């Protein structure tokens, strides 16, 4: 389950940012996870519940926003939401497209407790 290592990495990044901001606790964090990132959101939520224990994120509200996949056909430039990783272009049938969004894993925002 790679979601546990992702969760631990999120905690590490947040702790580094808190230290740089001289804060001791986090009240809220927003994550953006692409639908084609390979991350199972339910597994990440479970992993985060464990990873935040005894960290500065222990009482933080964690908001996970799933970003829908969007691709652009390399033949006709039509943009569309693919059904899966090998969806041909609905406009021209070409099998290849470039990713526009949907593979991201981002910490979008961290809110620290006001001291």
PDB file of N, CA and C in Angstrom:
ATOM      1  N   UNK A   1       0.856  -1.180   0.000  1.00  0.00           N
ATOM      2  CA  UNK A   1       0.000   0.000   0.000  1.00  0.00           C
ATOM      3  C   UNK A   1       0.895   1.233   0.000  1.00  0.00           C
ATOM      4  N   UNK A   2       1.083   1.835  -1.158  1.00  0.00           N
ATOM      5  CA  UNK A   2       1.943   3.011  -1.263  1.00  0.00           C
ATOM      6  C   UNK A   2       1.293   4.258  -0.682  1.00  0.00           C
ATOM      7  N   UNK A   3       0.001   4.200  -0.376  1.00  0.00           N
ATOM      8  CA  UNK A   3      -0.679   5.348   0.217  1.00  0.00           C
ATOM      9  C   UNK A   3      -0.105   5.696   1.590  1.00  0.00           C
ATOM     10  N   UNK A   4       0.380   4.684   2.334  1.00  0.00           N
ATOM     11  CA  UNK A   4       0.978   4.962   3.642  1.00  0.00           C
ATOM     12  C   UNK A   4       2.259   5.777   3.484  1.00  0.00           C
ATOM     13  N   UNK A   5       3.082   5.428   2.515  1.00  0.00           N
ATOM     14  CA  UNK A   5       4.309   6.219   2.311  1.00  0.00           C
ATOM     15  C   UNK A   5       3.969   7.627   1.815  1.00  0.00           C
ATOM     16  N   UNK A   6       2.919   7.764   1.016  1.00  0.00           N
ATOM     17  CA  UNK A   6       2.472   9.092   0.578  1.00  0.00           C
ATOM     18  C   UNK A   6       1.991   9.894   1.781  1.00  0.00           C
ATOM     19  N   UNK A   7       1.202   9.268   2.650  1.00  0.00           N
ATOM     20  CA  UNK A   7       0.690   9.943   3.848  1.00  0.00           C
ATOM     21  C   UNK A   7       1.838  10.397   4.744  1.00  0.00           C
ATOM     22  N   UNK A   8       2.829   9.538   4.924  1.00  0.00           N
ATOM     23  CA  UNK A   8       3.972   9.900   5.764  1.00  0.00           C
ATOM     24  C   UNK A   8       4.757  11.044   5.140  1.00  0.00           C
ATOM     25  N   UNK A   9       4.850  11.051   3.817  1.00  0.00           N
ATOM     26  CA  UNK A   9       5.534  12.125   3.114  1.00  0.00           C
ATOM     27  C   UNK A   9       4.777  13.434   3.262  1.00  0.00           C
ATOM     28  N   UNK A  10       3.456  13.385   3.212  1.00  0.00           N
ATOM     29  CA  UNK A  10       2.638  14.591   3.412  1.00  0.00           C
ATOM     30  C   UNK A  10       2.899  15.171   4.795  1.00  0.00           C
ATOM     31  N   UNK A  11       2.901  14.323   5.819  1.00  0.00           N
ATOM     32  CA  UNK A  11       3.158  14.781   7.183  1.00  0.00           C
ATOM     33  C   UNK A  11       4.545  15.418   7.266  1.00  0.00           C
ATOM     34  N   UNK A  12       5.523  14.795   6.652  1.00  0.00           N
ATOM     35  CA  UNK A  12       6.898  15.335   6.672  1.00  0.00           C
ATOM     36  C   UNK A  12       6.962  16.717   6.014  1.00  0.00           C
ATOM     37  N   UNK A  13       6.314  16.867   4.869  1.00  0.00           N
ATOM     38  CA  UNK A  13       6.310  18.155   4.161  1.00  0.00           C
ATOM     39  C   UNK A  13       5.610  19.225   4.996  1.00  0.00           C
ATOM     40  N   UNK A  14       4.486  18.873   5.591  1.00  0.00           N
ATOM     41  CA  UNK A  14       3.761  19.838   6.420  1.00  0.00           C
ATOM     42  C   UNK A  14       4.589  20.234   7.631  1.00  0.00           C
ATOM     43  N   UNK A  15       5.260  19.280   8.263  1.00  0.00           N
ATOM     44  CA  UNK A  15       6.103  19.589   9.417  1.00  0.00           C
ATOM     45  C   UNK A  15       7.262  20.508   9.027  1.00  0.00           C
ATOM     46  N   UNK A  16       7.849  20.280   7.849  1.00  0.00           N
ATOM     47  CA  UNK A  16       8.933  21.153   7.383  1.00  0.00           C
ATOM     48  C   UNK A  16       8.425  22.573   7.163  1.00  0.00           C
ATOM     49  N   UNK A  17       7.236  22.706   6.576  1.00  0.00           N
ATOM     50  CA  UNK A  17       6.648  24.025   6.339  1.00  0.00           C
ATOM     51  C   UNK A  17       6.282  24.707   7.655  1.00  0.00           C
ATOM     52  N   UNK A  18       5.798  23.939   8.613  1.00  0.00           N
ATOM     53  CA  UNK A  18       5.460  24.502   9.921  1.00  0.00           C
ATOM     54  C   UNK A  18       6.710  24.994  10.629  1.00  0.00           C
ATOM     55  N   UNK A  19       7.773  24.226  10.544  1.00  0.00           N
ATOM     56  CA  UNK A  19       9.027  24.648  11.176  1.00  0.00           C
ATOM     57  C   UNK A  19       9.539  25.937  10.526  1.00  0.00           C
ATOM     58  N   UNK A  20       9.446  26.032   9.219  1.00  0.00           N
ATOM     59  CA  UNK A  20       9.898  27.236   8.521  1.00  0.00           C
ATOM     60  C   UNK A  20       9.051  28.445   8.890  1.00  0.00           C
ATOM     61  N   UNK A  21       7.766  28.209   9.201  1.00  0.00           N
ATOM     62  CA  UNK A  21       6.865  29.307   9.581  1.00  0.00           C
ATOM     63  C   UNK A  21       6.834  29.517  11.088  1.00  0.00           C
ATOM     64  N   UNK A  22       7.643  28.732  11.815  1.00  0.00           N
ATOM     65  CA  UNK A  22       7.712  28.798  13.275  1.00  0.00           C
ATOM     66  C   UNK A  22       6.345  28.546  13.930  1.00  0.00           C
ATOM     67  N   UNK A  23       5.639  27.542  13.411  1.00  0.00           N
ATOM     68  CA  UNK A  23       4.323  27.162  13.955  1.00  0.00           C
ATOM     69  C   UNK A  23       4.409  25.770  14.553  1.00  0.00           C
ATOM     70  N   UNK A  24       3.572  25.534  15.537  1.00  0.00           N
ATOM     71  CA  UNK A  24       3.618  24.259  16.240  1.00  0.00           C
ATOM     72  C   UNK A  24       2.422  23.358  15.976  1.00  0.00           C
ATOM     73  N   UNK A  25       1.420  23.859  15.234  1.00  0.00           N
ATOM     74  CA  UNK A  25       0.244  23.040  14.946  1.00  0.00           C
ATOM     75  C   UNK A  25      -0.406  23.497  13.643  1.00  0.00           C
ATOM     76  N   UNK A  26      -1.129  22.565  13.037  1.00  0.00           N
ATOM     77  CA  UNK A  26      -1.824  22.817  11.784  1.00  0.00           C
ATOM     78  C   UNK A  26      -3.310  22.657  12.032  1.00  0.00           C
ATOM     79  N   UNK A  27      -4.106  23.609  11.528  1.00  0.00           N
ATOM     80  CA  UNK A  27      -5.553  23.494  11.718  1.00  0.00           C
ATOM     81  C   UNK A  27      -6.237  22.851  10.517  1.00  0.00           C
ATOM     82  N   UNK A  28      -5.680  23.066   9.310  1.00  0.00           N
ATOM     83  CA  UNK A  28      -6.337  22.535   8.120  1.00  0.00           C
ATOM     84  C   UNK A  28      -5.324  22.360   6.998  1.00  0.00           C
ATOM     85  N   UNK A  29      -5.589  21.374   6.151  1.00  0.00           N
ATOM     86  CA  UNK A  29      -4.742  21.133   4.984  1.00  0.00           C
ATOM     87  C   UNK A  29      -5.640  20.717   3.829  1.00  0.00           C
ATOM     88  N   UNK A  30      -5.336  21.238   2.647  1.00  0.00           N
ATOM     89  CA  UNK A  30      -6.057  20.881   1.427  1.00  0.00           C
ATOM     90  C   UNK A  30      -5.119  20.119   0.509  1.00  0.00           C
ATOM     91  N   UNK A  31      -5.569  18.941   0.072  1.00  0.00           N
ATOM     92  CA  UNK A  31      -4.804  18.123  -0.860  1.00  0.00           C
ATOM     93  C   UNK A  31      -5.559  18.016  -2.176  1.00  0.00           C
ATOM     94  N   UNK A  32      -4.838  17.962  -3.277  1.00  0.00           N
ATOM     95  CA  UNK A  32      -5.422  17.711  -4.590  1.00  0.00           C
ATOM     96  C   UNK A  32      -4.819  16.412  -5.109  1.00  0.00           C
ATOM     97  N   UNK A  33      -5.699  15.449  -5.401  1.00  0.00           N
ATOM     98  CA  UNK A  33      -5.263  14.151  -5.883  1.00  0.00           C
ATOM     99  C   UNK A  33      -5.946  13.883  -7.224  1.00  0.00           C
ATOM    100  N   UNK A  34      -5.169  13.663  -8.254  1.00  0.00           N
ATOM    101  CA  UNK A  34      -5.705  13.396  -9.579  1.00  0.00           C
ATOM    102  C   UNK A  34      -6.329  12.011  -9.656  1.00  0.00           C
ATOM    103  N   UNK A  35      -7.401  11.905 -10.419  1.00  0.00           N
ATOM    104  CA  UNK A  35      -8.110  10.634 -10.547  1.00  0.00           C
ATOM    105  C   UNK A  35      -7.271   9.564 -11.251  1.00  0.00           C
ATOM    106  N   UNK A  36      -6.235   9.972 -11.967  1.00  0.00           N
ATOM    107  CA  UNK A  36      -5.359   9.007 -12.630  1.00  0.00           C
ATOM    108  C   UNK A  36      -3.963   8.989 -12.005  1.00  0.00           C
ATOM    109  N   UNK A  37      -3.858   9.439 -10.764  1.00  0.00           N
ATOM    110  CA  UNK A  37      -2.558   9.479 -10.084  1.00  0.00           C
ATOM    111  C   UNK A  37      -2.122   8.116  -9.562  1.00  0.00           C
ATOM    112  N   UNK A  38      -3.052   7.176  -9.514  1.00  0.00           N
ATOM    113  CA  UNK A  38      -2.734   5.869  -8.960  1.00  0.00           C
ATOM    114  C   UNK A  38      -2.983   5.782  -7.468  1.00  0.00           C
ATOM    115  N   UNK A  39      -3.473   6.868  -6.872  1.00  0.00           N
ATOM    116  CA  UNK A  39      -3.742   6.894  -5.439  1.00  0.00           C
ATOM    117  C   UNK A  39      -5.213   6.550  -5.205  1.00  0.00           C
ATOM    118  N   UNK A  40      -5.444   5.597  -4.313  1.00  0.00           N
ATOM    119  CA  UNK A  40      -6.808   5.255  -3.902  1.00  0.00           C
ATOM    120  C   UNK A  40      -7.145   6.182  -2.738  1.00  0.00           C
ATOM    121  N   UNK A  41      -8.093   7.075  -2.953  1.00  0.00           N
ATOM    122  CA  UNK A  41      -8.375   8.129  -1.970  1.00  0.00           C
ATOM    123  C   UNK A  41      -8.793   7.546  -0.622  1.00  0.00           C
ATOM    124  N   UNK A  42      -9.622   6.512  -0.616  1.00  0.00           N
ATOM    125  CA  UNK A  42     -10.045   5.911   0.648  1.00  0.00           C
ATOM    126  C   UNK A  42      -8.845   5.333   1.407  1.00  0.00           C
ATOM    127  N   UNK A  43      -7.916   4.720   0.677  1.00  0.00           N
ATOM    128  CA  UNK A  43      -6.708   4.173   1.312  1.00  0.00           C
ATOM    129  C   UNK A  43      -5.825   5.301   1.843  1.00  0.00           C
ATOM    130  N   UNK A  44      -5.749   6.417   1.111  1.00  0.00           N
ATOM    131  CA  UNK A  44      -4.967   7.560   1.581  1.00  0.00           C
ATOM    132  C   UNK A  44      -5.585   8.151   2.843  1.00  0.00           C
ATOM    133  N   UNK A  45      -6.913   8.260   2.874  1.00  0.00           N
ATOM    134  CA  UNK A  45      -7.578   8.779   4.077  1.00  0.00           C
ATOM    135  C   UNK A  45      -7.266   7.902   5.281  1.00  0.00           C
ATOM    136  N   UNK A  46      -7.335   6.588   5.105  1.00  0.00           N
ATOM    137  CA  UNK A  46      -7.028   5.658   6.192  1.00  0.00           C
ATOM    138  C   UNK A  46      -5.569   5.797   6.614  1.00  0.00           C
ATOM    139  N   UNK A  47      -4.668   5.870   5.641  1.00  0.00           N
ATOM    140  CA  UNK A  47      -3.240   5.996   5.943  1.00  0.00           C
ATOM    141  C   UNK A  47      -2.951   7.306   6.664  1.00  0.00           C
ATOM    142  N   UNK A  48      -3.610   8.382   6.263  1.00  0.00           N
ATOM    143  CA  UNK A  48      -3.405   9.673   6.925  1.00  0.00           C
ATOM    144  C   UNK A  48      -3.871   9.641   8.377  1.00  0.00           C
ATOM    145  N   UNK A  49      -4.953   8.914   8.657  1.00  0.00           N
ATOM    146  CA  UNK A  49      -5.423   8.796  10.046  1.00  0.00           C
ATOM    147  C   UNK A  49      -4.322   8.245  10.942  1.00  0.00           C
ATOM    148  N   UNK A  50      -3.554   7.315  10.427  1.00  0.00           N
ATOM    149  CA  UNK A  50      -2.450   6.734  11.199  1.00  0.00           C
ATOM    150  C   UNK A  50      -1.211   7.623  11.179  1.00  0.00           C
ATOM    151  N   UNK A  51      -0.904   8.182  10.025  1.00  0.00           N
ATOM    152  CA  UNK A  51       0.337   8.961   9.873  1.00  0.00           C
ATOM    153  C   UNK A  51       0.330  10.245  10.692  1.00  0.00           C
ATOM    154  N   UNK A  52      -0.834  10.842  10.925  1.00  0.00           N
ATOM    155  CA  UNK A  52      -0.876  12.125  11.641  1.00  0.00           C
ATOM    156  C   UNK A  52      -0.816  11.966  13.157  1.00  0.00           C
ATOM    157  N   UNK A  53      -0.976  10.750  13.653  1.00  0.00           N
ATOM    158  CA  UNK A  53      -0.933  10.545  15.107  1.00  0.00           C
ATOM    159  C   UNK A  53       0.404  11.010  15.665  1.00  0.00           C
ATOM    160  N   UNK A  54       0.338  11.777  16.738  1.00  0.00           N
ATOM    161  CA  UNK A  54       1.508  12.325  17.428  1.00  0.00           C
ATOM    162  C   UNK A  54       2.317  13.273  16.542  1.00  0.00           C
ATOM    163  N   UNK A  55       1.668  13.877  15.549  1.00  0.00           N
ATOM    164  CA  UNK A  55       2.346  14.872  14.721  1.00  0.00           C
ATOM    165  C   UNK A  55       1.635  16.211  14.897  1.00  0.00           C
ATOM    166  N   UNK A  56       2.170  17.247  14.282  1.00  0.00           N
ATOM    167  CA  UNK A  56       1.529  18.555  14.367  1.00  0.00           C
ATOM    168  C   UNK A  56       0.215  18.593  13.596  1.00  0.00           C
ATOM    169  N   UNK A  57      -0.056  17.549  12.832  1.00  0.00           N
ATOM    170  CA  UNK A  57      -1.300  17.463  12.059  1.00  0.00           C
ATOM    171  C   UNK A  57      -2.384  16.667  12.769  1.00  0.00           C
ATOM    172  N   UNK A  58      -2.114  16.228  13.987  1.00  0.00           N
ATOM    173  CA  UNK A  58      -3.029  15.310  14.663  1.00  0.00           C
ATOM    174  C   UNK A  58      -4.459  15.839  14.748  1.00  0.00           C
ATOM    175  N   UNK A  59      -4.638  17.120  14.981  1.00  0.00           N
ATOM    176  CA  UNK A  59      -5.994  17.665  15.103  1.00  0.00           C
ATOM    177  C   UNK A  59      -6.425  18.448  13.865  1.00  0.00           C
ATOM    178  N   UNK A  60      -5.642  18.369  12.801  1.00  0.00           N
ATOM    179  CA  UNK A  60      -5.940  19.133  11.589  1.00  0.00           C
ATOM    180  C   UNK A  60      -7.084  18.508  10.801  1.00  0.00           C
ATOM    181  N   UNK A  61      -7.850  19.379  10.167  1.00  0.00           N
ATOM    182  CA  UNK A  61      -8.883  18.928   9.237  1.00  0.00           C
ATOM    183  C   UNK A  61      -8.187  18.722   7.890  1.00  0.00           C
ATOM    184  N   UNK A  62      -8.388  17.547   7.296  1.00  0.00           N
ATOM    185  CA  UNK A  62      -7.745  17.220   6.031  1.00  0.00           C
ATOM    186  C   UNK A  62      -8.822  17.140   4.947  1.00  0.00           C
ATOM    187  N   UNK A  63      -8.710  18.020   3.965  1.00  0.00           N
ATOM    188  CA  UNK A  63      -9.658  18.055   2.854  1.00  0.00           C
ATOM    189  C   UNK A  63      -8.964  17.487   1.620  1.00  0.00           C
ATOM    190  N   UNK A  64      -9.556  16.449   1.045  1.00  0.00           N
ATOM    191  CA  UNK A  64      -8.990  15.857  -0.157  1.00  0.00           C
ATOM    192  C   UNK A  64      -9.923  16.164  -1.327  1.00  0.00           C
ATOM    193  N   UNK A  65      -9.376  16.817  -2.340  1.00  0.00           N
ATOM    194  CA  UNK A  65     -10.139  17.177  -3.532  1.00  0.00           C
ATOM    195  C   UNK A  65      -9.632  16.314  -4.688  1.00  0.00           C
ATOM    196  N   UNK A  66     -10.532  15.541  -5.284  1.00  0.00           N
ATOM    197  CA  UNK A  66     -10.133  14.716  -6.427  1.00  0.00           C
ATOM    198  C   UNK A  66     -10.232  15.559  -7.701  1.00  0.00           C
ATOM    199  N   UNK A  67      -9.162  15.550  -8.473  1.00  0.00           N
ATOM    200  CA  UNK A  67      -9.087  16.290  -9.729  1.00  0.00           C
ATOM    201  C   UNK A  67      -9.377  15.311 -10.868  1.00  0.00           C
ATOM    202  N   UNK A  68     -10.424  15.593 -11.638  1.00  0.00           N
ATOM    203  CA  UNK A  68     -10.790  14.733 -12.760  1.00  0.00           C
ATOM    204  C   UNK A  68      -9.723  14.782 -13.846  1.00  0.00           C
ATOM    205  N   UNK A  69      -9.538  13.640 -14.489  1.00  0.00           N
ATOM    206  CA  UNK A  69      -8.567  13.572 -15.581  1.00  0.00           C
ATOM    207  C   UNK A  69      -9.087  14.334 -16.794  1.00  0.00           C
ATOM    208  N   UNK A  70      -8.165  14.944 -17.493  1.00  0.00           N
ATOM    209  CA  UNK A  70      -8.483  15.649 -18.735  1.00  0.00           C
ATOM    210  C   UNK A  70      -7.278  15.457 -19.653  1.00  0.00           C
ATOM    211  N   UNK A  71      -7.538  15.092 -20.904  1.00  0.00           N
ATOM    212  CA  UNK A  71      -6.470  14.851 -21.870  1.00  0.00           C
ATOM    213  C   UNK A  71      -6.755  15.601 -23.163  1.00  0.00           C
ATOM    214  N   UNK A  72      -5.707  15.703 -24.008  1.00  0.00           N
ATOM    215  CA  UNK A  72      -5.826  16.386 -25.300  1.00  0.00           C
ATOM    216  C   UNK A  72      -5.309  15.441 -26.379  1.00  0.00           C
ATOM    217  N   UNK A  73      -6.140  15.165 -27.353  1.00  0.00           N
ATOM    218  CA  UNK A  73      -5.765  14.279 -28.457  1.00  0.00           C
ATOM    219  C   UNK A  73      -4.579  14.876 -29.208  1.00  0.00           C
ATOM    220  N   UNK A  74      -3.567  14.045 -29.486  1.00  0.00           N
ATOM    221  CA  UNK A  74      -2.391  14.556 -30.203  1.00  0.00           C
ATOM    222  C   UNK A  74      -2.649  14.685 -31.705  1.00  0.00           C
ATOM    223  N   UNK A  75      -3.734  14.105 -32.205  1.00  0.00           N
ATOM    224  CA  UNK A  75      -4.035  14.194 -33.635  1.00  0.00           C
ATOM    225  C   UNK A  75      -4.921  15.397 -33.963  1.00  0.00           C
ATOM    226  N   UNK A  76      -6.002  15.590 -33.176  1.00  0.00           N
ATOM    227  CA  UNK A  76      -6.962  16.650 -33.534  1.00  0.00           C
ATOM    228  C   UNK A  76      -7.100  17.745 -32.474  1.00  0.00           C
ATOM    229  N   UNK A  77      -6.356  17.617 -31.352  1.00  0.00           N
ATOM    230  CA  UNK A  77      -6.344  18.599 -30.259  1.00  0.00           C
ATOM    231  C   UNK A  77      -7.663  18.673 -29.490  1.00  0.00           C
ATOM    232  N   UNK A  78      -8.546  17.690 -29.664  1.00  0.00           N
ATOM    233  CA  UNK A  78      -9.801  17.653 -28.896  1.00  0.00           C
ATOM    234  C   UNK A  78      -9.477  17.337 -27.431  1.00  0.00           C
ATOM    235  N   UNK A  79     -10.058  18.100 -26.519  1.00  0.00           N
ATOM    236  CA  UNK A  79      -9.889  17.852 -25.087  1.00  0.00           C
ATOM    237  C   UNK A  79     -11.094  17.080 -24.579  1.00  0.00           C
ATOM    238  N   UNK A  80     -10.818  16.076 -23.714  1.00  0.00           N
ATOM    239  CA  UNK A  80     -11.902  15.254 -23.181  1.00  0.00           C
ATOM    240  C   UNK A  80     -11.486  14.588 -21.876  1.00  0.00           C
ATOM    241  N   UNK A  81     -12.477  14.074 -21.144  1.00  0.00           N
ATOM    242  CA  UNK A  81     -12.237  13.296 -19.931  1.00  0.00           C
ATOM    243  C   UNK A  81     -12.190  11.826 -20.316  1.00  0.00           C
ATOM    244  N   UNK A  82     -11.041  11.178 -20.138  1.00  0.00           N
ATOM    245  CA  UNK A  82     -10.937   9.770 -20.517  1.00  0.00           C
ATOM    246  C   UNK A  82     -11.676   8.872 -19.525  1.00  0.00           C
ATOM    247  N   UNK A  83     -12.184   7.753 -20.041  1.00  0.00           N
ATOM    248  CA  UNK A  83     -12.845   6.772 -19.167  1.00  0.00           C
ATOM    249  C   UNK A  83     -11.809   5.960 -18.402  1.00  0.00           C
ATOM    250  N   UNK A  84     -10.665   5.707 -19.040  1.00  0.00           N
ATOM    251  CA  UNK A  84      -9.565   4.997 -18.403  1.00  0.00           C
ATOM    252  C   UNK A  84      -8.267   5.434 -19.076  1.00  0.00           C
ATOM    253  N   UNK A  85      -7.202   4.741 -18.787  1.00  0.00           N
ATOM    254  CA  UNK A  85      -5.885   5.168 -19.247  1.00  0.00           C
ATOM    255  C   UNK A  85      -5.692   5.029 -20.763  1.00  0.00           C
ATOM    256  N   UNK A  86      -6.501   4.216 -21.424  1.00  0.00           N
ATOM    257  CA  UNK A  86      -6.324   3.996 -22.866  1.00  0.00           C
ATOM    258  C   UNK A  86      -7.576   4.367 -23.665  1.00  0.00           C
ATOM    259  N   UNK A  87      -8.253   5.409 -23.279  1.00  0.00           N
ATOM    260  CA  UNK A  87      -9.448   5.853 -23.983  1.00  0.00           C
ATOM    261  C   UNK A  87      -9.062   6.566 -25.282  1.00  0.00           C
ATOM    262  N   UNK A  88      -9.554   6.074 -26.442  1.00  0.00           N
ATOM    263  CA  UNK A  88      -9.277   6.790 -27.689  1.00  0.00           C
ATOM    264  C   UNK A  88     -10.074   8.091 -27.758  1.00  0.00           C
ATOM    265  N   UNK A  89      -9.636   8.995 -28.595  1.00  0.00           N
ATOM    266  CA  UNK A  89     -10.305  10.285 -28.758  1.00  0.00           C
ATOM    267  C   UNK A  89     -11.728  10.070 -29.270  1.00  0.00           C
ATOM    268  N   UNK A  90     -12.728  10.635 -28.596  1.00  0.00           N
ATOM    269  CA  UNK A  90     -14.106  10.480 -29.065  1.00  0.00           C
ATOM    270  C   UNK A  90     -14.398  11.265 -30.350  1.00  0.00           C
ATOM    271  N   UNK A  91     -13.540  12.230 -30.669  1.00  0.00           N
ATOM    272  CA  UNK A  91     -13.759  13.036 -31.865  1.00  0.00           C
ATOM    273  C   UNK A  91     -13.197  12.368 -33.127  1.00  0.00           C
ATOM    274  N   UNK A  92     -11.993  11.798 -33.016  1.00  0.00           N
ATOM    275  CA  UNK A  92     -11.353  11.246 -34.213  1.00  0.00           C
ATOM    276  C   UNK A  92     -10.937   9.782 -34.083  1.00  0.00           C
ATOM    277  N   UNK A  93     -11.000   9.235 -32.871  1.00  0.00           N
ATOM    278  CA  UNK A  93     -10.642   7.833 -32.660  1.00  0.00           C
ATOM    279  C   UNK A  93      -9.162   7.564 -32.484  1.00  0.00           C
ATOM    280  N   UNK A  94      -8.344   8.595 -32.512  1.00  0.00           N
ATOM    281  CA  UNK A  94      -6.898   8.418 -32.348  1.00  0.00           C
ATOM    282  C   UNK A  94      -6.610   7.848 -30.958  1.00  0.00           C
ATOM    283  N   UNK A  95      -5.685   6.886 -30.856  1.00  0.00           N
ATOM    284  CA  UNK A  95      -5.453   6.230 -29.563  1.00  0.00           C
ATOM    285  C   UNK A  95      -4.565   6.981 -28.577  1.00  0.00           C
ATOM    286  N   UNK A  96      -3.865   8.041 -29.032  1.00  0.00           N
ATOM    287  CA  UNK A  96      -2.905   8.700 -28.152  1.00  0.00           C
ATOM    288  C   UNK A  96      -3.324  10.123 -27.803  1.00  0.00           C
ATOM    289  N   UNK A  97      -3.080  10.471 -26.543  1.00  0.00           N
ATOM    290  CA  UNK A  97      -3.387  11.819 -26.075  1.00  0.00           C
ATOM    291  C   UNK A  97      -2.365  12.223 -25.032  1.00  0.00           C
ATOM    292  N   UNK A  98      -2.281  13.529 -24.798  1.00  0.00           N
ATOM    293  CA  UNK A  98      -1.393  14.080 -23.774  1.00  0.00           C
ATOM    294  C   UNK A  98      -2.230  14.445 -22.547  1.00  0.00           C
ATOM    295  N   UNK A  99      -1.655  14.209 -21.385  1.00  0.00           N
ATOM    296  CA  UNK A  99      -2.337  14.569 -20.141  1.00  0.00           C
ATOM    297  C   UNK A  99      -2.374  16.074 -19.971  1.00  0.00           C
ATOM    298  N   UNK A 100      -3.507  16.586 -19.542  1.00  0.00           N
ATOM    299  CA  UNK A 100      -3.640  17.986 -19.156  1.00  0.00           C
ATOM    300  C   UNK A 100      -3.703  18.069 -17.635  1.00  0.00           C
ATOM    301  N   UNK A 101      -4.518  17.210 -17.054  1.00  0.00           N
ATOM    302  CA  UNK A 101      -4.624  17.141 -15.593  1.00  0.00           C
ATOM    303  C   UNK A 101      -5.121  15.767 -15.201  1.00  0.00           C
ATOM    304  N   UNK A 102      -4.965  15.448 -13.912  1.00  0.00           N
ATOM    305  CA  UNK A 102      -5.479  14.188 -13.393  1.00  0.00           C
ATOM    306  C   UNK A 102      -4.431  13.273 -12.802  1.00  0.00           C
ATOM    307  N   UNK A 103      -3.164  13.629 -12.930  1.00  0.00           N
ATOM    308  CA  UNK A 103      -2.103  12.806 -12.342  1.00  0.00           C
ATOM    309  C   UNK A 103      -1.440  13.482 -11.143  1.00  0.00           C
ATOM    310  N   UNK A 104      -1.937  14.648 -10.769  1.00  0.00           N
ATOM    311  CA  UNK A 104      -1.290  15.421  -9.717  1.00  0.00           C
ATOM    312  C   UNK A 104      -1.538  14.850  -8.310  1.00  0.00           C
ATOM    313  N   UNK A 105      -0.593  15.134  -7.451  1.00  0.00           N
ATOM    314  CA  UNK A 105      -0.699  14.908  -6.011  1.00  0.00           C
ATOM    315  C   UNK A 105      -0.075  16.145  -5.383  1.00  0.00           C
ATOM    316  N   UNK A 106      -0.922  17.049  -4.884  1.00  0.00           N
ATOM    317  CA  UNK A 106      -0.424  18.334  -4.400  1.00  0.00           C
ATOM    318  C   UNK A 106      -0.960  18.656  -3.015  1.00  0.00           C
ATOM    319  N   UNK A 107      -0.112  19.280  -2.240  1.00  0.00           N
ATOM    320  CA  UNK A 107      -0.584  19.947  -1.028  1.00  0.00           C
ATOM    321  C   UNK A 107      -0.913  21.358  -1.486  1.00  0.00           C
ATOM    322  N   UNK A 108      -2.183  21.657  -1.591  1.00  0.00           N
ATOM    323  CA  UNK A 108      -2.614  22.952  -2.130  1.00  0.00           C
ATOM    324  C   UNK A 108      -2.514  24.052  -1.084  1.00  0.00           C
ATOM    325  N   UNK A 109      -2.851  23.734   0.176  1.00  0.00           N
ATOM    326  CA  UNK A 109      -2.888  24.789   1.196  1.00  0.00           C
ATOM    327  C   UNK A 109      -2.681  24.170   2.577  1.00  0.00           C
ATOM    328  N   UNK A 110      -1.950  24.892   3.413  1.00  0.00           N
ATOM    329  CA  UNK A 110      -1.757  24.521   4.818  1.00  0.00           C
ATOM    330  C   UNK A 110      -2.148  25.727   5.646  1.00  0.00           C
ATOM    331  N   UNK A 111      -3.020  25.517   6.600  1.00  0.00           N
ATOM    332  CA  UNK A 111      -3.413  26.601   7.513  1.00  0.00           C
ATOM    333  C   UNK A 111      -2.872  26.259   8.897  1.00  0.00           C
ATOM    334  N   UNK A 112      -2.048  27.151   9.420  1.00  0.00           N
ATOM    335  CA  UNK A 112      -1.467  26.965  10.745  1.00  0.00           C
ATOM    336  C   UNK A 112      -2.342  27.620  11.798  1.00  0.00           C
ATOM    337  N   UNK A 113      -2.296  27.083  13.006  1.00  0.00           N
ATOM    338  CA  UNK A 113      -2.995  27.715  14.123  1.00  0.00           C
ATOM    339  C   UNK A 113      -2.370  29.063  14.401  1.00  0.00           C
ATOM    340  N   UNK A 114      -3.200  30.032  14.653  1.00  0.00           N
ATOM    341  CA  UNK A 114      -2.706  31.350  15.066  1.00  0.00           C
ATOM    342  C   UNK A 114      -2.243  31.236  16.525  1.00  0.00           C
ATOM    343  N   UNK A 115      -1.098  31.755  16.814  1.00  0.00           N
ATOM    344  CA  UNK A 115      -0.575  31.686  18.188  1.00  0.00           C
ATOM    345  C   UNK A 115      -0.964  32.908  18.972  1.00  0.00           C
TER     346      UNK A 115
END
